[in-house]
């Protein structure tokens, strides 16, 4: 398991689930409130209704661990990309446009 992102309430890790590589977005134990759990369930439900090529499709929701499970396409976060690569302004504008389209 490799941590991709962590905040006060959320943990995002690369992991395995049902024999395949996935990314899990879960609530940390101290953030397990009824409203936060409901918010994650709504996020999963909304994700299931989207058919955009710009949106990572969730493949499952774990009620026990309160996590949304996404297929792992081995991508990196935009933040990591911008830190690792020298991205010129015009390319940043292309990325911003793609985000707006999403």
PDB file of N, CA and C in Angstrom:
ATOM      1  N   UNK A   1       0.857  -1.174   0.000  1.00  0.00           N
ATOM      2  CA  UNK A   1       0.000   0.000   0.000  1.00  0.00           C
ATOM      3  C   UNK A   1       0.902   1.235   0.000  1.00  0.00           C
ATOM      4  N   UNK A   2       0.613   2.191  -0.904  1.00  0.00           N
ATOM      5  CA  UNK A   2       1.397   3.416  -1.019  1.00  0.00           C
ATOM      6  C   UNK A   2       0.470   4.619  -0.907  1.00  0.00           C
ATOM      7  N   UNK A   3       0.806   5.526  -0.004  1.00  0.00           N
ATOM      8  CA  UNK A   3       0.005   6.733   0.174  1.00  0.00           C
ATOM      9  C   UNK A   3       0.229   7.690  -0.989  1.00  0.00           C
ATOM     10  N   UNK A   4      -0.880   8.157  -1.568  1.00  0.00           N
ATOM     11  CA  UNK A   4      -0.842   9.131  -2.655  1.00  0.00           C
ATOM     12  C   UNK A   4      -1.133  10.527  -2.119  1.00  0.00           C
ATOM     13  N   UNK A   5      -2.094  10.600  -1.194  1.00  0.00           N
ATOM     14  CA  UNK A   5      -2.538  11.887  -0.658  1.00  0.00           C
ATOM     15  C   UNK A   5      -3.080  11.661   0.743  1.00  0.00           C
ATOM     16  N   UNK A   6      -2.860  12.660   1.603  1.00  0.00           N
ATOM     17  CA  UNK A   6      -3.389  12.572   2.961  1.00  0.00           C
ATOM     18  C   UNK A   6      -3.744  13.967   3.455  1.00  0.00           C
ATOM     19  N   UNK A   7      -4.927  14.068   4.065  1.00  0.00           N
ATOM     20  CA  UNK A   7      -5.351  15.307   4.712  1.00  0.00           C
ATOM     21  C   UNK A   7      -5.805  14.956   6.120  1.00  0.00           C
ATOM     22  N   UNK A   8      -6.390  15.901   6.816  1.00  0.00           N
ATOM     23  CA  UNK A   8      -6.852  15.646   8.182  1.00  0.00           C
ATOM     24  C   UNK A   8      -7.960  14.596   8.216  1.00  0.00           C
ATOM     25  N   UNK A   9      -8.756  14.511   7.135  1.00  0.00           N
ATOM     26  CA  UNK A   9      -9.897  13.597   7.153  1.00  0.00           C
ATOM     27  C   UNK A   9      -9.844  12.484   6.108  1.00  0.00           C
ATOM     28  N   UNK A  10      -8.965  12.612   5.116  1.00  0.00           N
ATOM     29  CA  UNK A  10      -8.959  11.700   3.980  1.00  0.00           C
ATOM     30  C   UNK A  10      -7.606  11.054   3.770  1.00  0.00           C
ATOM     31  N   UNK A  11      -7.639   9.794   3.341  1.00  0.00           N
ATOM     32  CA  UNK A  11      -6.422   9.074   2.978  1.00  0.00           C
ATOM     33  C   UNK A  11      -6.654   8.436   1.612  1.00  0.00           C
ATOM     34  N   UNK A  12      -5.740   8.680   0.676  1.00  0.00           N
ATOM     35  CA  UNK A  12      -5.818   8.096  -0.664  1.00  0.00           C
ATOM     36  C   UNK A  12      -4.571   7.243  -0.861  1.00  0.00           C
ATOM     37  N   UNK A  13      -4.790   5.962  -1.150  1.00  0.00           N
ATOM     38  CA  UNK A  13      -3.666   5.025  -1.280  1.00  0.00           C
ATOM     39  C   UNK A  13      -3.816   4.155  -2.522  1.00  0.00           C
ATOM     40  N   UNK A  14      -2.681   3.673  -3.011  1.00  0.00           N
ATOM     41  CA  UNK A  14      -2.680   2.617  -4.029  1.00  0.00           C
ATOM     42  C   UNK A  14      -2.702   1.311  -3.264  1.00  0.00           C
ATOM     43  N   UNK A  15      -3.533   0.369  -3.713  1.00  0.00           N
ATOM     44  CA  UNK A  15      -3.708  -0.879  -2.987  1.00  0.00           C
ATOM     45  C   UNK A  15      -4.189  -1.952  -3.963  1.00  0.00           C
ATOM     46  N   UNK A  16      -4.532  -3.099  -3.441  1.00  0.00           N
ATOM     47  CA  UNK A  16      -5.147  -4.164  -4.229  1.00  0.00           C
ATOM     48  C   UNK A  16      -6.541  -4.429  -3.701  1.00  0.00           C
ATOM     49  N   UNK A  17      -7.435  -4.798  -4.607  1.00  0.00           N
ATOM     50  CA  UNK A  17      -8.829  -5.108  -4.247  1.00  0.00           C
ATOM     51  C   UNK A  17      -9.329  -6.116  -5.267  1.00  0.00           C
ATOM     52  N   UNK A  18      -9.790  -7.209  -4.792  1.00  0.00           N
ATOM     53  CA  UNK A  18     -10.287  -8.281  -5.650  1.00  0.00           C
ATOM     54  C   UNK A  18      -9.287  -8.655  -6.743  1.00  0.00           C
ATOM     55  N   UNK A  19      -8.013  -8.686  -6.363  1.00  0.00           N
ATOM     56  CA  UNK A  19      -6.961  -9.134  -7.268  1.00  0.00           C
ATOM     57  C   UNK A  19      -6.500  -8.135  -8.304  1.00  0.00           C
ATOM     58  N   UNK A  20      -6.887  -6.882  -8.172  1.00  0.00           N
ATOM     59  CA  UNK A  20      -6.425  -5.891  -9.141  1.00  0.00           C
ATOM     60  C   UNK A  20      -5.953  -4.622  -8.445  1.00  0.00           C
ATOM     61  N   UNK A  21      -5.130  -3.862  -9.150  1.00  0.00           N
ATOM     62  CA  UNK A  21      -4.592  -2.618  -8.615  1.00  0.00           C
ATOM     63  C   UNK A  21      -5.686  -1.561  -8.588  1.00  0.00           C
ATOM     64  N   UNK A  22      -5.830  -0.906  -7.449  1.00  0.00           N
ATOM     65  CA  UNK A  22      -6.851   0.132  -7.277  1.00  0.00           C
ATOM     66  C   UNK A  22      -6.293   1.309  -6.496  1.00  0.00           C
ATOM     67  N   UNK A  23      -7.044   2.384  -6.520  1.00  0.00           N
ATOM     68  CA  UNK A  23      -6.802   3.537  -5.659  1.00  0.00           C
ATOM     69  C   UNK A  23      -7.993   3.633  -4.727  1.00  0.00           C
ATOM     70  N   UNK A  24      -7.719   3.687  -3.426  1.00  0.00           N
ATOM     71  CA  UNK A  24      -8.789   3.788  -2.427  1.00  0.00           C
ATOM     72  C   UNK A  24      -8.764   5.170  -1.777  1.00  0.00           C
ATOM     73  N   UNK A  25      -9.929   5.798  -1.760  1.00  0.00           N
ATOM     74  CA  UNK A  25     -10.110   7.081  -1.080  1.00  0.00           C
ATOM     75  C   UNK A  25     -10.978   6.805   0.129  1.00  0.00           C
ATOM     76  N   UNK A  26     -10.399   6.965   1.325  1.00  0.00           N
ATOM     77  CA  UNK A  26     -11.145   6.598   2.526  1.00  0.00           C
ATOM     78  C   UNK A  26     -11.113   7.699   3.571  1.00  0.00           C
ATOM     79  N   UNK A  27     -12.089   7.619   4.454  1.00  0.00           N
ATOM     80  CA  UNK A  27     -12.142   8.517   5.604  1.00  0.00           C
ATOM     81  C   UNK A  27     -11.212   7.993   6.685  1.00  0.00           C
ATOM     82  N   UNK A  28     -10.501   8.890   7.319  1.00  0.00           N
ATOM     83  CA  UNK A  28      -9.669   8.499   8.460  1.00  0.00           C
ATOM     84  C   UNK A  28     -10.581   8.232   9.657  1.00  0.00           C
ATOM     85  N   UNK A  29     -10.137   7.391  10.591  1.00  0.00           N
ATOM     86  CA  UNK A  29     -10.993   7.041  11.739  1.00  0.00           C
ATOM     87  C   UNK A  29     -11.554   8.246  12.489  1.00  0.00           C
ATOM     88  N   UNK A  30     -10.759   9.289  12.679  1.00  0.00           N
ATOM     89  CA  UNK A  30     -11.237  10.463  13.424  1.00  0.00           C
ATOM     90  C   UNK A  30     -12.261  11.283  12.633  1.00  0.00           C
ATOM     91  N   UNK A  31     -12.402  10.978  11.344  1.00  0.00           N
ATOM     92  CA  UNK A  31     -13.345  11.720  10.496  1.00  0.00           C
ATOM     93  C   UNK A  31     -14.624  10.942  10.223  1.00  0.00           C
ATOM     94  N   UNK A  32     -14.787   9.799  10.846  1.00  0.00           N
ATOM     95  CA  UNK A  32     -15.963   8.949  10.601  1.00  0.00           C
ATOM     96  C   UNK A  32     -17.195   9.483  11.324  1.00  0.00           C
ATOM     97  N   UNK A  33     -17.776  10.513  10.752  1.00  0.00           N
ATOM     98  CA  UNK A  33     -19.023  11.055  11.285  1.00  0.00           C
ATOM     99  C   UNK A  33     -20.150  10.638  10.334  1.00  0.00           C
ATOM    100  N   UNK A  34     -21.371  10.595  10.819  1.00  0.00           N
ATOM    101  CA  UNK A  34     -22.486  10.239   9.923  1.00  0.00           C
ATOM    102  C   UNK A  34     -22.563  11.126   8.675  1.00  0.00           C
ATOM    103  N   UNK A  35     -22.314  12.424   8.833  1.00  0.00           N
ATOM    104  CA  UNK A  35     -22.393  13.315   7.668  1.00  0.00           C
ATOM    105  C   UNK A  35     -21.255  13.058   6.688  1.00  0.00           C
ATOM    106  N   UNK A  36     -20.054  12.763   7.179  1.00  0.00           N
ATOM    107  CA  UNK A  36     -18.926  12.473   6.290  1.00  0.00           C
ATOM    108  C   UNK A  36     -19.153  11.158   5.541  1.00  0.00           C
ATOM    109  N   UNK A  37     -19.679  10.167   6.226  1.00  0.00           N
ATOM    110  CA  UNK A  37     -19.979   8.882   5.580  1.00  0.00           C
ATOM    111  C   UNK A  37     -21.043   9.082   4.500  1.00  0.00           C
ATOM    112  N   UNK A  38     -22.075   9.845   4.814  1.00  0.00           N
ATOM    113  CA  UNK A  38     -23.129  10.126   3.828  1.00  0.00           C
ATOM    114  C   UNK A  38     -22.564  10.890   2.631  1.00  0.00           C
ATOM    115  N   UNK A  39     -21.638  11.810   2.883  1.00  0.00           N
ATOM    116  CA  UNK A  39     -21.011  12.577   1.801  1.00  0.00           C
ATOM    117  C   UNK A  39     -20.229  11.653   0.866  1.00  0.00           C
ATOM    118  N   UNK A  40     -19.495  10.683   1.422  1.00  0.00           N
ATOM    119  CA  UNK A  40     -18.744   9.723   0.605  1.00  0.00           C
ATOM    120  C   UNK A  40     -19.697   8.852  -0.208  1.00  0.00           C
ATOM    121  N   UNK A  41     -20.790   8.433   0.399  1.00  0.00           N
ATOM    122  CA  UNK A  41     -21.759   7.616  -0.335  1.00  0.00           C
ATOM    123  C   UNK A  41     -22.387   8.418  -1.478  1.00  0.00           C
ATOM    124  N   UNK A  42     -22.676   9.698  -1.241  1.00  0.00           N
ATOM    125  CA  UNK A  42     -23.214  10.567  -2.301  1.00  0.00           C
ATOM    126  C   UNK A  42     -22.180  10.769  -3.405  1.00  0.00           C
ATOM    127  N   UNK A  43     -20.917  10.943  -3.013  1.00  0.00           N
ATOM    128  CA  UNK A  43     -19.854  11.104  -4.007  1.00  0.00           C
ATOM    129  C   UNK A  43     -19.764   9.863  -4.898  1.00  0.00           C
ATOM    130  N   UNK A  44     -19.844   8.687  -4.283  1.00  0.00           N
ATOM    131  CA  UNK A  44     -19.809   7.451  -5.064  1.00  0.00           C
ATOM    132  C   UNK A  44     -21.018   7.358  -5.991  1.00  0.00           C
ATOM    133  N   UNK A  45     -22.209   7.630  -5.469  1.00  0.00           N
ATOM    134  CA  UNK A  45     -23.426   7.576  -6.281  1.00  0.00           C
ATOM    135  C   UNK A  45     -23.352   8.552  -7.459  1.00  0.00           C
ATOM    136  N   UNK A  46     -22.878   9.764  -7.206  1.00  0.00           N
ATOM    137  CA  UNK A  46     -22.735  10.750  -8.272  1.00  0.00           C
ATOM    138  C   UNK A  46     -21.729  10.264  -9.307  1.00  0.00           C
ATOM    139  N   UNK A  47     -20.622   9.724  -8.853  1.00  0.00           N
ATOM    140  CA  UNK A  47     -19.603   9.207  -9.764  1.00  0.00           C
ATOM    141  C   UNK A  47     -20.190   8.144 -10.684  1.00  0.00           C
ATOM    142  N   UNK A  48     -21.045   7.285 -10.150  1.00  0.00           N
ATOM    143  CA  UNK A  48     -21.636   6.215 -10.943  1.00  0.00           C
ATOM    144  C   UNK A  48     -22.561   6.746 -12.034  1.00  0.00           C
ATOM    145  N   UNK A  49     -23.069   7.949 -11.857  1.00  0.00           N
ATOM    146  CA  UNK A  49     -23.987   8.517 -12.847  1.00  0.00           C
ATOM    147  C   UNK A  49     -23.253   9.283 -13.952  1.00  0.00           C
ATOM    148  N   UNK A  50     -21.953   9.484 -13.820  1.00  0.00           N
ATOM    149  CA  UNK A  50     -21.186  10.253 -14.800  1.00  0.00           C
ATOM    150  C   UNK A  50     -20.578   9.345 -15.862  1.00  0.00           C
ATOM    151  N   UNK A  51     -20.543   9.832 -17.082  1.00  0.00           N
ATOM    152  CA  UNK A  51     -19.948   9.069 -18.183  1.00  0.00           C
ATOM    153  C   UNK A  51     -18.966   9.939 -18.958  1.00  0.00           C
ATOM    154  N   UNK A  52     -18.161  10.683 -18.258  1.00  0.00           N
ATOM    155  CA  UNK A  52     -17.201  11.582 -18.881  1.00  0.00           C
ATOM    156  C   UNK A  52     -15.830  10.918 -18.979  1.00  0.00           C
ATOM    157  N   UNK A  53     -15.134  11.111 -20.090  1.00  0.00           N
ATOM    158  CA  UNK A  53     -13.780  10.568 -20.188  1.00  0.00           C
ATOM    159  C   UNK A  53     -12.806  11.296 -19.256  1.00  0.00           C
ATOM    160  N   UNK A  54     -13.239  12.411 -18.681  1.00  0.00           N
ATOM    161  CA  UNK A  54     -12.408  13.194 -17.777  1.00  0.00           C
ATOM    162  C   UNK A  54     -12.548  12.776 -16.310  1.00  0.00           C
ATOM    163  N   UNK A  55     -13.453  11.858 -16.026  1.00  0.00           N
ATOM    164  CA  UNK A  55     -13.731  11.467 -14.639  1.00  0.00           C
ATOM    165  C   UNK A  55     -13.303  10.026 -14.417  1.00  0.00           C
ATOM    166  N   UNK A  56     -12.510   9.801 -13.369  1.00  0.00           N
ATOM    167  CA  UNK A  56     -12.128   8.437 -12.995  1.00  0.00           C
ATOM    168  C   UNK A  56     -13.375   7.717 -12.493  1.00  0.00           C
ATOM    169  N   UNK A  57     -13.684   6.601 -13.104  1.00  0.00           N
ATOM    170  CA  UNK A  57     -14.879   5.849 -12.733  1.00  0.00           C
ATOM    171  C   UNK A  57     -14.589   4.988 -11.502  1.00  0.00           C
ATOM    172  N   UNK A  58     -15.406   5.114 -10.481  1.00  0.00           N
ATOM    173  CA  UNK A  58     -15.284   4.269  -9.290  1.00  0.00           C
ATOM    174  C   UNK A  58     -15.753   2.865  -9.632  1.00  0.00           C
ATOM    175  N   UNK A  59     -15.057   1.865  -9.095  1.00  0.00           N
ATOM    176  CA  UNK A  59     -15.438   0.474  -9.354  1.00  0.00           C
ATOM    177  C   UNK A  59     -16.116  -0.164  -8.149  1.00  0.00           C
ATOM    178  N   UNK A  60     -16.122   0.543  -7.022  1.00  0.00           N
ATOM    179  CA  UNK A  60     -16.774  -0.021  -5.851  1.00  0.00           C
ATOM    180  C   UNK A  60     -16.784   0.939  -4.681  1.00  0.00           C
ATOM    181  N   UNK A  61     -17.586   0.577  -3.688  1.00  0.00           N
ATOM    182  CA  UNK A  61     -17.658   1.321  -2.431  1.00  0.00           C
ATOM    183  C   UNK A  61     -17.645   0.304  -1.310  1.00  0.00           C
ATOM    184  N   UNK A  62     -16.738   0.470  -0.363  1.00  0.00           N
ATOM    185  CA  UNK A  62     -16.619  -0.455   0.763  1.00  0.00           C
ATOM    186  C   UNK A  62     -17.324   0.161   1.971  1.00  0.00           C
ATOM    187  N   UNK A  63     -18.476  -0.422   2.355  1.00  0.00           N
ATOM    188  CA  UNK A  63     -19.253   0.086   3.495  1.00  0.00           C
ATOM    189  C   UNK A  63     -18.538  -0.105   4.827  1.00  0.00           C
ATOM    190  N   UNK A  64     -17.677  -1.101   4.909  1.00  0.00           N
ATOM    191  CA  UNK A  64     -16.977  -1.376   6.165  1.00  0.00           C
ATOM    192  C   UNK A  64     -15.842  -0.377   6.411  1.00  0.00           C
ATOM    193  N   UNK A  65     -15.070  -0.085   5.362  1.00  0.00           N
ATOM    194  CA  UNK A  65     -13.931   0.833   5.496  1.00  0.00           C
ATOM    195  C   UNK A  65     -14.285   2.256   5.085  1.00  0.00           C
ATOM    196  N   UNK A  66     -15.518   2.447   4.610  1.00  0.00           N
ATOM    197  CA  UNK A  66     -15.984   3.760   4.153  1.00  0.00           C
ATOM    198  C   UNK A  66     -15.000   4.350   3.150  1.00  0.00           C
ATOM    199  N   UNK A  67     -14.790   3.597   2.063  1.00  0.00           N
ATOM    200  CA  UNK A  67     -13.884   4.085   1.035  1.00  0.00           C
ATOM    201  C   UNK A  67     -14.464   3.869  -0.352  1.00  0.00           C
ATOM    202  N   UNK A  68     -14.091   4.791  -1.232  1.00  0.00           N
ATOM    203  CA  UNK A  68     -14.452   4.702  -2.641  1.00  0.00           C
ATOM    204  C   UNK A  68     -13.262   4.073  -3.349  1.00  0.00           C
ATOM    205  N   UNK A  69     -13.531   3.121  -4.228  1.00  0.00           N
ATOM    206  CA  UNK A  69     -12.468   2.366  -4.881  1.00  0.00           C
ATOM    207  C   UNK A  69     -12.473   2.684  -6.369  1.00  0.00           C
ATOM    208  N   UNK A  70     -11.318   3.120  -6.855  1.00  0.00           N
ATOM    209  CA  UNK A  70     -11.146   3.477  -8.260  1.00  0.00           C
ATOM    210  C   UNK A  70     -10.129   2.537  -8.897  1.00  0.00           C
ATOM    211  N   UNK A  71     -10.292   2.283 -10.189  1.00  0.00           N
ATOM    212  CA  UNK A  71      -9.289   1.524 -10.915  1.00  0.00           C
ATOM    213  C   UNK A  71      -7.998   2.337 -10.937  1.00  0.00           C
ATOM    214  N   UNK A  72      -6.867   1.675 -10.800  1.00  0.00           N
ATOM    215  CA  UNK A  72      -5.571   2.356 -10.801  1.00  0.00           C
ATOM    216  C   UNK A  72      -5.007   2.343 -12.213  1.00  0.00           C
ATOM    217  N   UNK A  73      -4.940   3.510 -12.833  1.00  0.00           N
ATOM    218  CA  UNK A  73      -4.373   3.608 -14.178  1.00  0.00           C
ATOM    219  C   UNK A  73      -2.911   4.051 -14.141  1.00  0.00           C
ATOM    220  N   UNK A  74      -2.320   4.009 -12.946  1.00  0.00           N
ATOM    221  CA  UNK A  74      -0.916   4.376 -12.733  1.00  0.00           C
ATOM    222  C   UNK A  74      -0.634   5.849 -13.004  1.00  0.00           C
ATOM    223  N   UNK A  75      -1.651   6.673 -12.948  1.00  0.00           N
ATOM    224  CA  UNK A  75      -1.471   8.099 -13.162  1.00  0.00           C
ATOM    225  C   UNK A  75      -0.851   8.773 -11.942  1.00  0.00           C
ATOM    226  N   UNK A  76      -0.537  10.048 -12.111  1.00  0.00           N
ATOM    227  CA  UNK A  76      -0.040  10.848 -10.995  1.00  0.00           C
ATOM    228  C   UNK A  76      -0.958  12.048 -10.835  1.00  0.00           C
ATOM    229  N   UNK A  77      -0.925  12.651  -9.670  1.00  0.00           N
ATOM    230  CA  UNK A  77      -1.774  13.813  -9.424  1.00  0.00           C
ATOM    231  C   UNK A  77      -1.251  15.017 -10.208  1.00  0.00           C
ATOM    232  N   UNK A  78      -2.148  15.948 -10.477  1.00  0.00           N
ATOM    233  CA  UNK A  78      -1.755  17.172 -11.152  1.00  0.00           C
ATOM    234  C   UNK A  78      -0.693  17.896 -10.338  1.00  0.00           C
ATOM    235  N   UNK A  79      -0.856  17.929  -9.041  1.00  0.00           N
ATOM    236  CA  UNK A  79       0.124  18.589  -8.169  1.00  0.00           C
ATOM    237  C   UNK A  79       1.510  17.971  -8.354  1.00  0.00           C
ATOM    238  N   UNK A  80       1.572  16.642  -8.337  1.00  0.00           N
ATOM    239  CA  UNK A  80       2.851  15.958  -8.512  1.00  0.00           C
ATOM    240  C   UNK A  80       3.431  16.225  -9.896  1.00  0.00           C
ATOM    241  N   UNK A  81       2.588  16.205 -10.920  1.00  0.00           N
ATOM    242  CA  UNK A  81       3.032  16.469 -12.290  1.00  0.00           C
ATOM    243  C   UNK A  81       3.652  17.855 -12.402  1.00  0.00           C
ATOM    244  N   UNK A  82       2.991  18.865 -11.846  1.00  0.00           N
ATOM    245  CA  UNK A  82       3.488  20.231 -11.938  1.00  0.00           C
ATOM    246  C   UNK A  82       4.778  20.430 -11.157  1.00  0.00           C
ATOM    247  N   UNK A  83       4.967  19.651 -10.094  1.00  0.00           N
ATOM    248  CA  UNK A  83       6.201  19.745  -9.312  1.00  0.00           C
ATOM    249  C   UNK A  83       7.354  19.050 -10.044  1.00  0.00           C
ATOM    250  N   UNK A  84       7.079  17.883 -10.633  1.00  0.00           N
ATOM    251  CA  UNK A  84       8.130  17.085 -11.278  1.00  0.00           C
ATOM    252  C   UNK A  84       8.563  17.625 -12.631  1.00  0.00           C
ATOM    253  N   UNK A  85       7.663  18.190 -13.364  1.00  0.00           N
ATOM    254  CA  UNK A  85       7.932  18.626 -14.737  1.00  0.00           C
ATOM    255  C   UNK A  85       7.943  20.148 -14.813  1.00  0.00           C
ATOM    256  N   UNK A  86       8.752  20.665 -15.719  1.00  0.00           N
ATOM    257  CA  UNK A  86       8.677  22.093 -16.020  1.00  0.00           C
ATOM    258  C   UNK A  86       7.570  22.259 -17.057  1.00  0.00           C
ATOM    259  N   UNK A  87       6.459  22.817 -16.644  1.00  0.00           N
ATOM    260  CA  UNK A  87       5.302  22.955 -17.528  1.00  0.00           C
ATOM    261  C   UNK A  87       5.169  24.433 -17.903  1.00  0.00           C
ATOM    262  N   UNK A  88       5.403  24.745 -19.179  1.00  0.00           N
ATOM    263  CA  UNK A  88       5.291  26.142 -19.608  1.00  0.00           C
ATOM    264  C   UNK A  88       3.863  26.659 -19.476  1.00  0.00           C
ATOM    265  N   UNK A  89       3.745  27.979 -19.458  1.00  0.00           N
ATOM    266  CA  UNK A  89       2.454  28.629 -19.261  1.00  0.00           C
ATOM    267  C   UNK A  89       1.411  28.163 -20.268  1.00  0.00           C
ATOM    268  N   UNK A  90       1.776  28.077 -21.560  1.00  0.00           N
ATOM    269  CA  UNK A  90       0.777  27.693 -22.562  1.00  0.00           C
ATOM    270  C   UNK A  90       0.268  26.269 -22.323  1.00  0.00           C
ATOM    271  N   UNK A  91       1.135  25.378 -21.858  1.00  0.00           N
ATOM    272  CA  UNK A  91       0.698  24.015 -21.538  1.00  0.00           C
ATOM    273  C   UNK A  91      -0.195  24.013 -20.287  1.00  0.00           C
ATOM    274  N   UNK A  92       0.115  24.884 -19.331  1.00  0.00           N
ATOM    275  CA  UNK A  92      -0.737  25.011 -18.138  1.00  0.00           C
ATOM    276  C   UNK A  92      -2.139  25.480 -18.529  1.00  0.00           C
ATOM    277  N   UNK A  93      -2.217  26.352 -19.526  1.00  0.00           N
ATOM    278  CA  UNK A  93      -3.527  26.822 -19.996  1.00  0.00           C
ATOM    279  C   UNK A  93      -4.300  25.690 -20.676  1.00  0.00           C
ATOM    280  N   UNK A  94      -3.614  24.835 -21.404  1.00  0.00           N
ATOM    281  CA  UNK A  94      -4.265  23.671 -22.023  1.00  0.00           C
ATOM    282  C   UNK A  94      -4.831  22.769 -20.934  1.00  0.00           C
ATOM    283  N   UNK A  95      -4.036  22.539 -19.894  1.00  0.00           N
ATOM    284  CA  UNK A  95      -4.483  21.694 -18.778  1.00  0.00           C
ATOM    285  C   UNK A  95      -5.695  22.335 -18.094  1.00  0.00           C
ATOM    286  N   UNK A  96      -5.630  23.642 -17.880  1.00  0.00           N
ATOM    287  CA  UNK A  96      -6.751  24.348 -17.226  1.00  0.00           C
ATOM    288  C   UNK A  96      -8.029  24.218 -18.059  1.00  0.00           C
ATOM    289  N   UNK A  97      -7.899  24.312 -19.367  1.00  0.00           N
ATOM    290  CA  UNK A  97      -9.059  24.172 -20.249  1.00  0.00           C
ATOM    291  C   UNK A  97      -9.654  22.768 -20.137  1.00  0.00           C
ATOM    292  N   UNK A  98      -8.777  21.761 -20.118  1.00  0.00           N
ATOM    293  CA  UNK A  98      -9.248  20.387 -20.001  1.00  0.00           C
ATOM    294  C   UNK A  98      -9.974  20.157 -18.667  1.00  0.00           C
ATOM    295  N   UNK A  99      -9.471  20.758 -17.613  1.00  0.00           N
ATOM    296  CA  UNK A  99     -10.128  20.653 -16.303  1.00  0.00           C
ATOM    297  C   UNK A  99     -11.492  21.332 -16.359  1.00  0.00           C
ATOM    298  N   UNK A 100     -11.561  22.498 -16.995  1.00  0.00           N
ATOM    299  CA  UNK A 100     -12.847  23.187 -17.110  1.00  0.00           C
ATOM    300  C   UNK A 100     -13.843  22.368 -17.931  1.00  0.00           C
ATOM    301  N   UNK A 101     -13.376  21.707 -18.981  1.00  0.00           N
ATOM    302  CA  UNK A 101     -14.253  20.866 -19.774  1.00  0.00           C
ATOM    303  C   UNK A 101     -14.769  19.677 -18.968  1.00  0.00           C
ATOM    304  N   UNK A 102     -13.925  19.175 -18.096  1.00  0.00           N
ATOM    305  CA  UNK A 102     -14.328  18.022 -17.279  1.00  0.00           C
ATOM    306  C   UNK A 102     -15.470  18.408 -16.385  1.00  0.00           C
TER     307      UNK A 102
END
